[in-house]
Amino acid sequence: MWELIIEAWREYFAVLKSNLVQAEGRISCTADIWSDEVLRPFLALTAHWIGKSEGTASLQLKAALLAFHHLPGNHTGDYIAQKFLHLLDCAEVMEKVSIP
């Protein structure tokens, strides 16, 4: 079962990366960090972008889960920023995300 879940994620992620490369303009991200009932910390990273609707030339606001990542260690600003940048790099979207 674990292998099926990983393979489904890989397929989803490949399609998502293709969609993000085709985004009109910049990609924005939102993030949330929380702990489960046994206090294991997790980071969810969501991408938001403008893309063309399938089969038409009209534009549409899109959003998708970019990463769901276990976040061990101290949650300092530097540590979270490193993880955030690493996940953007894995998705190959660094150049499309505005980072001040």
PDB file of N, CA and C in Angstrom:
ATOM      1  N   MET A   1       0.822  -1.185   0.000  1.00  0.00           N
ATOM      2  CA  MET A   1       0.000   0.000   0.000  1.00  0.00           C
ATOM      3  C   MET A   1       0.873   1.258   0.000  1.00  0.00           C
ATOM      4  N   TRP A   2       1.948   1.230   0.808  1.00  0.00           N
ATOM      5  CA  TRP A   2       2.841   2.379   0.901  1.00  0.00           C
ATOM      6  C   TRP A   2       3.390   2.735  -0.468  1.00  0.00           C
ATOM      7  N   GLU A   3       3.782   1.719  -1.247  1.00  0.00           N
ATOM      8  CA  GLU A   3       4.339   1.953  -2.579  1.00  0.00           C
ATOM      9  C   GLU A   3       3.321   2.616  -3.498  1.00  0.00           C
ATOM     10  N   LEU A   4       2.055   2.219  -3.395  1.00  0.00           N
ATOM     11  CA  LEU A   4       0.999   2.821  -4.216  1.00  0.00           C
ATOM     12  C   LEU A   4       0.810   4.297  -3.880  1.00  0.00           C
ATOM     13  N   ILE A   5       0.885   4.621  -2.606  1.00  0.00           N
ATOM     14  CA  ILE A   5       0.740   6.017  -2.184  1.00  0.00           C
ATOM     15  C   ILE A   5       1.899   6.850  -2.709  1.00  0.00           C
ATOM     16  N   ILE A   6       3.111   6.346  -2.584  1.00  0.00           N
ATOM     17  CA  ILE A   6       4.289   7.073  -3.073  1.00  0.00           C
ATOM     18  C   ILE A   6       4.210   7.256  -4.587  1.00  0.00           C
ATOM     19  N   GLU A   7       3.813   6.223  -5.313  1.00  0.00           N
ATOM     20  CA  GLU A   7       3.702   6.328  -6.771  1.00  0.00           C
ATOM     21  C   GLU A   7       2.618   7.337  -7.165  1.00  0.00           C
ATOM     22  N   ALA A   8       1.496   7.333  -6.457  1.00  0.00           N
ATOM     23  CA  ALA A   8       0.435   8.310  -6.741  1.00  0.00           C
ATOM     24  C   ALA A   8       0.947   9.729  -6.500  1.00  0.00           C
ATOM     25  N   TRP A   9       1.726   9.925  -5.428  1.00  0.00           N
ATOM     26  CA  TRP A   9       2.295  11.253  -5.157  1.00  0.00           C
ATOM     27  C   TRP A   9       3.247  11.671  -6.272  1.00  0.00           C
ATOM     28  N   ARG A  10       4.089  10.758  -6.717  1.00  0.00           N
ATOM     29  CA  ARG A  10       5.044  11.084  -7.787  1.00  0.00           C
ATOM     30  C   ARG A  10       4.317  11.508  -9.060  1.00  0.00           C
ATOM     31  N   GLU A  11       3.251  10.804  -9.406  1.00  0.00           N
ATOM     32  CA  GLU A  11       2.471  11.165 -10.597  1.00  0.00           C
ATOM     33  C   GLU A  11       1.816  12.532 -10.414  1.00  0.00           C
ATOM     34  N   TYR A  12       1.202  12.754  -9.253  1.00  0.00           N
ATOM     35  CA  TYR A  12       0.580  14.045  -8.946  1.00  0.00           C
ATOM     36  C   TYR A  12       1.608  15.169  -9.022  1.00  0.00           C
ATOM     37  N   PHE A  13       2.784  14.945  -8.425  1.00  0.00           N
ATOM     38  CA  PHE A  13       3.813  15.982  -8.354  1.00  0.00           C
ATOM     39  C   PHE A  13       4.358  16.317  -9.741  1.00  0.00           C
ATOM     40  N   ALA A  14       4.504  15.319 -10.609  1.00  0.00           N
ATOM     41  CA  ALA A  14       4.978  15.570 -11.975  1.00  0.00           C
ATOM     42  C   ALA A  14       3.989  16.447 -12.741  1.00  0.00           C
ATOM     43  N   VAL A  15       2.706  16.167 -12.616  1.00  0.00           N
ATOM     44  CA  VAL A  15       1.679  16.986 -13.273  1.00  0.00           C
ATOM     45  C   VAL A  15       1.666  18.386 -12.668  1.00  0.00           C
ATOM     46  N   LEU A  16       1.759  18.480 -11.350  1.00  0.00           N
ATOM     47  CA  LEU A  16       1.766  19.780 -10.683  1.00  0.00           C
ATOM     48  C   LEU A  16       2.947  20.622 -11.142  1.00  0.00           C
ATOM     49  N   LYS A  17       4.139  20.048 -11.196  1.00  0.00           N
ATOM     50  CA  LYS A  17       5.316  20.803 -11.644  1.00  0.00           C
ATOM     51  C   LYS A  17       5.114  21.323 -13.064  1.00  0.00           C
ATOM     52  N   SER A  18       4.531  20.520 -13.923  1.00  0.00           N
ATOM     53  CA  SER A  18       4.251  20.954 -15.295  1.00  0.00           C
ATOM     54  C   SER A  18       3.277  22.130 -15.302  1.00  0.00           C
ATOM     55  N   ASN A  19       2.241  22.058 -14.485  1.00  0.00           N
ATOM     56  CA  ASN A  19       1.268  23.155 -14.388  1.00  0.00           C
ATOM     57  C   ASN A  19       1.912  24.425 -13.850  1.00  0.00           C
ATOM     58  N   LEU A  20       2.789  24.292 -12.873  1.00  0.00           N
ATOM     59  CA  LEU A  20       3.433  25.465 -12.283  1.00  0.00           C
ATOM     60  C   LEU A  20       4.388  26.133 -13.267  1.00  0.00           C
ATOM     61  N   VAL A  21       5.076  25.344 -14.073  1.00  0.00           N
ATOM     62  CA  VAL A  21       5.974  25.909 -15.087  1.00  0.00           C
ATOM     63  C   VAL A  21       5.180  26.753 -16.083  1.00  0.00           C
ATOM     64  N   GLN A  22       3.948  26.349 -16.357  1.00  0.00           N
ATOM     65  CA  GLN A  22       3.106  27.047 -17.321  1.00  0.00           C
ATOM     66  C   GLN A  22       2.293  28.179 -16.697  1.00  0.00           C
ATOM     67  N   ALA A  23       2.483  28.445 -15.420  1.00  0.00           N
ATOM     68  CA  ALA A  23       1.724  29.502 -14.735  1.00  0.00           C
ATOM     69  C   ALA A  23       1.946  30.847 -15.410  1.00  0.00           C
ATOM     70  N   GLU A  24       0.882  31.628 -15.466  1.00  0.00           N
ATOM     71  CA  GLU A  24       0.965  32.993 -15.976  1.00  0.00           C
ATOM     72  C   GLU A  24       1.480  33.870 -14.832  1.00  0.00           C
ATOM     73  N   GLY A  25       2.635  34.450 -14.977  1.00  0.00           N
ATOM     74  CA  GLY A  25       3.176  35.315 -13.926  1.00  0.00           C
ATOM     75  C   GLY A  25       3.776  34.523 -12.780  1.00  0.00           C
ATOM     76  N   ARG A  26       3.707  35.101 -11.604  1.00  0.00           N
ATOM     77  CA  ARG A  26       4.351  34.553 -10.405  1.00  0.00           C
ATOM     78  C   ARG A  26       3.478  33.526  -9.701  1.00  0.00           C
ATOM     79  N   ILE A  27       4.119  32.746  -8.856  1.00  0.00           N
ATOM     80  CA  ILE A  27       3.445  31.779  -7.996  1.00  0.00           C
ATOM     81  C   ILE A  27       3.531  32.303  -6.570  1.00  0.00           C
ATOM     82  N   SER A  28       2.425  32.256  -5.862  1.00  0.00           N
ATOM     83  CA  SER A  28       2.406  32.621  -4.442  1.00  0.00           C
ATOM     84  C   SER A  28       2.280  31.348  -3.618  1.00  0.00           C
ATOM     85  N   CYS A  29       2.748  31.409  -2.392  1.00  0.00           N
ATOM     86  CA  CYS A  29       2.679  30.239  -1.514  1.00  0.00           C
ATOM     87  C   CYS A  29       2.083  30.618  -0.169  1.00  0.00           C
ATOM     88  N   THR A  30       1.379  29.677   0.405  1.00  0.00           N
ATOM     89  CA  THR A  30       0.945  29.788   1.793  1.00  0.00           C
ATOM     90  C   THR A  30       1.486  28.566   2.527  1.00  0.00           C
ATOM     91  N   ALA A  31       1.723  28.725   3.810  1.00  0.00           N
ATOM     92  CA  ALA A  31       2.276  27.629   4.600  1.00  0.00           C
ATOM     93  C   ALA A  31       1.565  27.558   5.943  1.00  0.00           C
ATOM     94  N   ASP A  32       1.515  26.361   6.481  1.00  0.00           N
ATOM     95  CA  ASP A  32       0.952  26.151   7.808  1.00  0.00           C
ATOM     96  C   ASP A  32       1.806  25.104   8.511  1.00  0.00           C
ATOM     97  N   ILE A  33       2.121  25.364   9.755  1.00  0.00           N
ATOM     98  CA  ILE A  33       2.887  24.420  10.568  1.00  0.00           C
ATOM     99  C   ILE A  33       2.024  24.058  11.771  1.00  0.00           C
ATOM    100  N   TRP A  34       1.926  22.772  12.058  1.00  0.00           N
ATOM    101  CA  TRP A  34       1.165  22.330  13.211  1.00  0.00           C
ATOM    102  C   TRP A  34       1.733  21.009  13.704  1.00  0.00           C
ATOM    103  N   SER A  35       1.237  20.568  14.852  1.00  0.00           N
ATOM    104  CA  SER A  35       1.664  19.291  15.432  1.00  0.00           C
ATOM    105  C   SER A  35       0.468  18.367  15.537  1.00  0.00           C
ATOM    106  N   ASP A  36       0.716  17.065  15.340  1.00  0.00           N
ATOM    107  CA  ASP A  36      -0.356  16.090  15.494  1.00  0.00           C
ATOM    108  C   ASP A  36      -0.561  15.781  16.979  1.00  0.00           C
ATOM    109  N   GLU A  37      -1.390  14.785  17.264  1.00  0.00           N
ATOM    110  CA  GLU A  37      -1.745  14.502  18.656  1.00  0.00           C
ATOM    111  C   GLU A  37      -0.576  14.005  19.500  1.00  0.00           C
ATOM    112  N   VAL A  38       0.488  13.516  18.870  1.00  0.00           N
ATOM    113  CA  VAL A  38       1.672  13.109  19.634  1.00  0.00           C
ATOM    114  C   VAL A  38       2.814  14.110  19.455  1.00  0.00           C
ATOM    115  N   LEU A  39       2.463  15.321  19.045  1.00  0.00           N
ATOM    116  CA  LEU A  39       3.363  16.472  18.941  1.00  0.00           C
ATOM    117  C   LEU A  39       4.467  16.327  17.887  1.00  0.00           C
ATOM    118  N   ARG A  40       4.191  15.572  16.809  1.00  0.00           N
ATOM    119  CA  ARG A  40       5.106  15.556  15.661  1.00  0.00           C
ATOM    120  C   ARG A  40       4.750  16.753  14.780  1.00  0.00           C
ATOM    121  N   PRO A  41       5.722  17.621  14.484  1.00  0.00           N
ATOM    122  CA  PRO A  41       5.427  18.825  13.700  1.00  0.00           C
ATOM    123  C   PRO A  41       5.439  18.553  12.191  1.00  0.00           C
ATOM    124  N   PHE A  42       4.533  19.235  11.481  1.00  0.00           N
ATOM    125  CA  PHE A  42       4.420  19.103  10.032  1.00  0.00           C
ATOM    126  C   PHE A  42       4.279  20.475   9.391  1.00  0.00           C
ATOM    127  N   LEU A  43       4.729  20.554   8.148  1.00  0.00           N
ATOM    128  CA  LEU A  43       4.604  21.763   7.335  1.00  0.00           C
ATOM    129  C   LEU A  43       3.807  21.408   6.089  1.00  0.00           C
ATOM    130  N   ALA A  44       2.757  22.160   5.818  1.00  0.00           N
ATOM    131  CA  ALA A  44       2.018  22.040   4.561  1.00  0.00           C
ATOM    132  C   ALA A  44       2.297  23.302   3.756  1.00  0.00           C
ATOM    133  N   LEU A  45       2.643  23.137   2.499  1.00  0.00           N
ATOM    134  CA  LEU A  45       2.964  24.250   1.611  1.00  0.00           C
ATOM    135  C   LEU A  45       2.021  24.176   0.417  1.00  0.00           C
ATOM    136  N   THR A  46       1.281  25.252   0.187  1.00  0.00           N
ATOM    137  CA  THR A  46       0.319  25.318  -0.907  1.00  0.00           C
ATOM    138  C   THR A  46       0.759  26.371  -1.904  1.00  0.00           C
ATOM    139  N   ALA A  47       0.664  26.040  -3.191  1.00  0.00           N
ATOM    140  CA  ALA A  47       0.993  26.982  -4.265  1.00  0.00           C
ATOM    141  C   ALA A  47      -0.303  27.558  -4.828  1.00  0.00           C
ATOM    142  N   HIS A  48      -0.267  28.843  -5.194  1.00  0.00           N
ATOM    143  CA  HIS A  48      -1.405  29.545  -5.791  1.00  0.00           C
ATOM    144  C   HIS A  48      -0.889  30.242  -7.041  1.00  0.00           C
ATOM    145  N   TRP A  49      -1.603  30.110  -8.153  1.00  0.00           N
ATOM    146  CA  TRP A  49      -1.151  30.712  -9.403  1.00  0.00           C
ATOM    147  C   TRP A  49      -2.324  30.932 -10.347  1.00  0.00           C
ATOM    148  N   ILE A  50      -2.058  31.703 -11.380  1.00  0.00           N
ATOM    149  CA  ILE A  50      -3.029  31.919 -12.447  1.00  0.00           C
ATOM    150  C   ILE A  50      -2.610  31.030 -13.612  1.00  0.00           C
ATOM    151  N   GLY A  51      -3.542  30.245 -14.099  1.00  0.00           N
ATOM    152  CA  GLY A  51      -3.257  29.357 -15.222  1.00  0.00           C
ATOM    153  C   GLY A  51      -4.422  29.341 -16.182  1.00  0.00           C
ATOM    154  N   LYS A  52      -4.170  28.829 -17.352  1.00  0.00           N
ATOM    155  CA  LYS A  52      -5.225  28.722 -18.358  1.00  0.00           C
ATOM    156  C   LYS A  52      -6.128  27.547 -18.018  1.00  0.00           C
ATOM    157  N   SER A  53      -7.433  27.761 -18.224  1.00  0.00           N
ATOM    158  CA  SER A  53      -8.386  26.666 -18.057  1.00  0.00           C
ATOM    159  C   SER A  53      -8.162  25.654 -19.167  1.00  0.00           C
ATOM    160  N   GLU A  54      -8.322  24.394 -18.850  1.00  0.00           N
ATOM    161  CA  GLU A  54      -8.093  23.359 -19.862  1.00  0.00           C
ATOM    162  C   GLU A  54      -9.083  23.509 -21.006  1.00  0.00           C
ATOM    163  N   GLY A  55      -8.550  23.510 -22.219  1.00  0.00           N
ATOM    164  CA  GLY A  55      -9.387  23.580 -23.404  1.00  0.00           C
ATOM    165  C   GLY A  55      -9.865  24.967 -23.780  1.00  0.00           C
ATOM    166  N   THR A  56      -9.500  25.984 -22.993  1.00  0.00           N
ATOM    167  CA  THR A  56      -9.915  27.353 -23.302  1.00  0.00           C
ATOM    168  C   THR A  56      -8.728  28.287 -23.118  1.00  0.00           C
ATOM    169  N   ALA A  57      -8.947  29.531 -23.530  1.00  0.00           N
ATOM    170  CA  ALA A  57      -7.898  30.540 -23.347  1.00  0.00           C
ATOM    171  C   ALA A  57      -8.150  31.382 -22.102  1.00  0.00           C
ATOM    172  N   SER A  58      -9.239  31.098 -21.375  1.00  0.00           N
ATOM    173  CA  SER A  58      -9.548  31.906 -20.197  1.00  0.00           C
ATOM    174  C   SER A  58      -8.614  31.553 -19.040  1.00  0.00           C
ATOM    175  N   LEU A  59      -8.399  32.539 -18.167  1.00  0.00           N
ATOM    176  CA  LEU A  59      -7.514  32.358 -17.017  1.00  0.00           C
ATOM    177  C   LEU A  59      -8.313  31.958 -15.788  1.00  0.00           C
ATOM    178  N   GLN A  60      -7.657  31.227 -14.916  1.00  0.00           N
ATOM    179  CA  GLN A  60      -8.320  30.710 -13.724  1.00  0.00           C
ATOM    180  C   GLN A  60      -7.333  30.706 -12.563  1.00  0.00           C
ATOM    181  N   LEU A  61      -7.822  31.081 -11.375  1.00  0.00           N
ATOM    182  CA  LEU A  61      -7.009  30.980 -10.163  1.00  0.00           C
ATOM    183  C   LEU A  61      -6.934  29.512  -9.765  1.00  0.00           C
ATOM    184  N   LYS A  62      -5.719  29.036  -9.539  1.00  0.00           N
ATOM    185  CA  LYS A  62      -5.513  27.630  -9.188  1.00  0.00           C
ATOM    186  C   LYS A  62      -4.726  27.539  -7.885  1.00  0.00           C
ATOM    187  N   ALA A  63      -4.903  26.452  -7.193  1.00  0.00           N
ATOM    188  CA  ALA A  63      -4.160  26.195  -5.958  1.00  0.00           C
ATOM    189  C   ALA A  63      -3.976  24.690  -5.816  1.00  0.00           C
ATOM    190  N   ALA A  64      -2.853  24.295  -5.237  1.00  0.00           N
ATOM    191  CA  ALA A  64      -2.595  22.868  -5.035  1.00  0.00           C
ATOM    192  C   ALA A  64      -1.577  22.678  -3.922  1.00  0.00           C
ATOM    193  N   LEU A  65      -1.659  21.538  -3.270  1.00  0.00           N
ATOM    194  CA  LEU A  65      -0.684  21.170  -2.249  1.00  0.00           C
ATOM    195  C   LEU A  65       0.662  20.928  -2.911  1.00  0.00           C
ATOM    196  N   LEU A  66       1.657  21.683  -2.503  1.00  0.00           N
ATOM    197  CA  LEU A  66       3.006  21.563  -3.056  1.00  0.00           C
ATOM    198  C   LEU A  66       3.861  20.613  -2.220  1.00  0.00           C
ATOM    199  N   ALA A  67       3.629  20.604  -0.910  1.00  0.00           N
ATOM    200  CA  ALA A  67       4.413  19.725  -0.039  1.00  0.00           C
ATOM    201  C   ALA A  67       3.684  19.511   1.278  1.00  0.00           C
ATOM    202  N   PHE A  68       3.874  18.330   1.828  1.00  0.00           N
ATOM    203  CA  PHE A  68       3.457  17.991   3.186  1.00  0.00           C
ATOM    204  C   PHE A  68       4.675  17.328   3.795  1.00  0.00           C
ATOM    205  N   HIS A  69       5.298  18.019   4.739  1.00  0.00           N
ATOM    206  CA  HIS A  69       6.651  17.654   5.146  1.00  0.00           C
ATOM    207  C   HIS A  69       6.762  17.573   6.662  1.00  0.00           C
ATOM    208  N   HIS A  70       7.348  16.481   7.156  1.00  0.00           N
ATOM    209  CA  HIS A  70       7.661  16.378   8.581  1.00  0.00           C
ATOM    210  C   HIS A  70       8.715  17.434   8.904  1.00  0.00           C
ATOM    211  N   LEU A  71       8.562  18.117  10.000  1.00  0.00           N
ATOM    212  CA  LEU A  71       9.417  19.259  10.321  1.00  0.00           C
ATOM    213  C   LEU A  71      10.064  19.087  11.696  1.00  0.00           C
ATOM    214  N   PRO A  72      11.008  18.154  11.828  1.00  0.00           N
ATOM    215  CA  PRO A  72      11.658  17.969  13.126  1.00  0.00           C
ATOM    216  C   PRO A  72      12.615  19.119  13.425  1.00  0.00           C
ATOM    217  N   GLY A  73      13.038  19.203  14.654  1.00  0.00           N
ATOM    218  CA  GLY A  73      14.020  20.226  15.025  1.00  0.00           C
ATOM    219  C   GLY A  73      13.369  21.500  15.530  1.00  0.00           C
ATOM    220  N   ASN A  74      14.214  22.481  15.805  1.00  0.00           N
ATOM    221  CA  ASN A  74      13.740  23.777  16.296  1.00  0.00           C
ATOM    222  C   ASN A  74      13.078  24.553  15.172  1.00  0.00           C
ATOM    223  N   HIS A  75      11.984  25.198  15.474  1.00  0.00           N
ATOM    224  CA  HIS A  75      11.232  25.945  14.470  1.00  0.00           C
ATOM    225  C   HIS A  75      11.658  27.407  14.446  1.00  0.00           C
ATOM    226  N   THR A  76      12.945  27.622  14.272  1.00  0.00           N
ATOM    227  CA  THR A  76      13.446  28.991  14.149  1.00  0.00           C
ATOM    228  C   THR A  76      13.117  29.506  12.755  1.00  0.00           C
ATOM    229  N   GLY A  77      13.174  30.808  12.591  1.00  0.00           N
ATOM    230  CA  GLY A  77      12.929  31.407  11.285  1.00  0.00           C
ATOM    231  C   GLY A  77      13.881  30.886  10.229  1.00  0.00           C
ATOM    232  N   ASP A  78      15.160  30.766  10.580  1.00  0.00           N
ATOM    233  CA  ASP A  78      16.157  30.261   9.627  1.00  0.00           C
ATOM    234  C   ASP A  78      15.858  28.822   9.206  1.00  0.00           C
ATOM    235  N   TYR A  79      15.506  27.991  10.166  1.00  0.00           N
ATOM    236  CA  TYR A  79      15.220  26.582   9.875  1.00  0.00           C
ATOM    237  C   TYR A  79      14.005  26.448   8.962  1.00  0.00           C
ATOM    238  N   ILE A  80      12.947  27.178   9.281  1.00  0.00           N
ATOM    239  CA  ILE A  80      11.732  27.125   8.461  1.00  0.00           C
ATOM    240  C   ILE A  80      12.019  27.660   7.062  1.00  0.00           C
ATOM    241  N   ALA A  81      12.781  28.745   6.968  1.00  0.00           N
ATOM    242  CA  ALA A  81      13.132  29.307   5.656  1.00  0.00           C
ATOM    243  C   ALA A  81      13.929  28.298   4.832  1.00  0.00           C
ATOM    244  N   GLN A  82      14.873  27.597   5.453  1.00  0.00           N
ATOM    245  CA  GLN A  82      15.658  26.581   4.735  1.00  0.00           C
ATOM    246  C   GLN A  82      14.762  25.475   4.184  1.00  0.00           C
ATOM    247  N   LYS A  83      13.833  25.002   4.999  1.00  0.00           N
ATOM    248  CA  LYS A  83      12.908  23.951   4.552  1.00  0.00           C
ATOM    249  C   LYS A  83      12.014  24.465   3.425  1.00  0.00           C
ATOM    250  N   PHE A  84      11.506  25.680   3.588  1.00  0.00           N
ATOM    251  CA  PHE A  84      10.642  26.303   2.582  1.00  0.00           C
ATOM    252  C   PHE A  84      11.374  26.391   1.241  1.00  0.00           C
ATOM    253  N   LEU A  85      12.600  26.901   1.254  1.00  0.00           N
ATOM    254  CA  LEU A  85      13.383  27.038   0.025  1.00  0.00           C
ATOM    255  C   LEU A  85      13.735  25.674  -0.571  1.00  0.00           C
ATOM    256  N   HIS A  86      14.036  24.705   0.279  1.00  0.00           N
ATOM    257  CA  HIS A  86      14.326  23.356  -0.203  1.00  0.00           C
ATOM    258  C   HIS A  86      13.114  22.771  -0.937  1.00  0.00           C
ATOM    259  N   LEU A  87      11.931  22.944  -0.375  1.00  0.00           N
ATOM    260  CA  LEU A  87      10.723  22.404  -1.000  1.00  0.00           C
ATOM    261  C   LEU A  87      10.417  23.109  -2.320  1.00  0.00           C
ATOM    262  N   LEU A  88      10.649  24.425  -2.381  1.00  0.00           N
ATOM    263  CA  LEU A  88      10.471  25.144  -3.649  1.00  0.00           C
ATOM    264  C   LEU A  88      11.465  24.647  -4.687  1.00  0.00           C
ATOM    265  N   ASP A  89      12.684  24.377  -4.257  1.00  0.00           N
ATOM    266  CA  ASP A  89      13.705  23.867  -5.167  1.00  0.00           C
ATOM    267  C   ASP A  89      13.322  22.479  -5.689  1.00  0.00           C
ATOM    268  N   CYS A  90      12.800  21.633  -4.828  1.00  0.00           N
ATOM    269  CA  CYS A  90      12.359  20.296  -5.256  1.00  0.00           C
ATOM    270  C   CYS A  90      11.261  20.384  -6.314  1.00  0.00           C
ATOM    271  N   ALA A  91      10.416  21.393  -6.190  1.00  0.00           N
ATOM    272  CA  ALA A  91       9.331  21.590  -7.158  1.00  0.00           C
ATOM    273  C   ALA A  91       9.795  22.335  -8.405  1.00  0.00           C
ATOM    274  N   GLU A  92      11.048  22.785  -8.394  1.00  0.00           N
ATOM    275  CA  GLU A  92      11.642  23.499  -9.527  1.00  0.00           C
ATOM    276  C   GLU A  92      10.869  24.773  -9.885  1.00  0.00           C
ATOM    277  N   VAL A  93      10.473  25.528  -8.852  1.00  0.00           N
ATOM    278  CA  VAL A  93       9.713  26.765  -9.079  1.00  0.00           C
ATOM    279  C   VAL A  93      10.362  27.987  -8.432  1.00  0.00           C
ATOM    280  N   MET A  94      11.613  27.879  -8.012  1.00  0.00           N
ATOM    281  CA  MET A  94      12.269  28.997  -7.320  1.00  0.00           C
ATOM    282  C   MET A  94      12.184  30.297  -8.115  1.00  0.00           C
ATOM    283  N   GLU A  95      12.391  30.228  -9.428  1.00  0.00           N
ATOM    284  CA  GLU A  95      12.420  31.443 -10.242  1.00  0.00           C
ATOM    285  C   GLU A  95      11.033  32.046 -10.444  1.00  0.00           C
ATOM    286  N   LYS A  96       9.971  31.298 -10.139  1.00  0.00           N
ATOM    287  CA  LYS A  96       8.617  31.816 -10.340  1.00  0.00           C
ATOM    288  C   LYS A  96       7.979  32.319  -9.043  1.00  0.00           C
ATOM    289  N   VAL A  97       8.637  32.076  -7.914  1.00  0.00           N
ATOM    290  CA  VAL A  97       8.111  32.514  -6.619  1.00  0.00           C
ATOM    291  C   VAL A  97       8.831  33.791  -6.214  1.00  0.00           C
ATOM    292  N   SER A  98       8.064  34.806  -5.840  1.00  0.00           N
ATOM    293  CA  SER A  98       8.663  36.065  -5.379  1.00  0.00           C
ATOM    294  C   SER A  98       9.085  35.916  -3.928  1.00  0.00           C
ATOM    295  N   ILE A  99      10.366  36.090  -3.680  1.00  0.00           N
ATOM    296  CA  ILE A  99      10.896  36.034  -2.316  1.00  0.00           C
ATOM    297  C   ILE A  99      11.603  37.356  -2.066  1.00  0.00           C
ATOM    298  N   PRO A 100      11.095  38.136  -1.082  1.00  0.00           N
ATOM    299  CA  PRO A 100      11.707  39.454  -0.837  1.00  0.00           C
ATOM    300  C   PRO A 100      13.143  39.357  -0.374  1.00  0.00           C
TER     301      PRO A 100
END
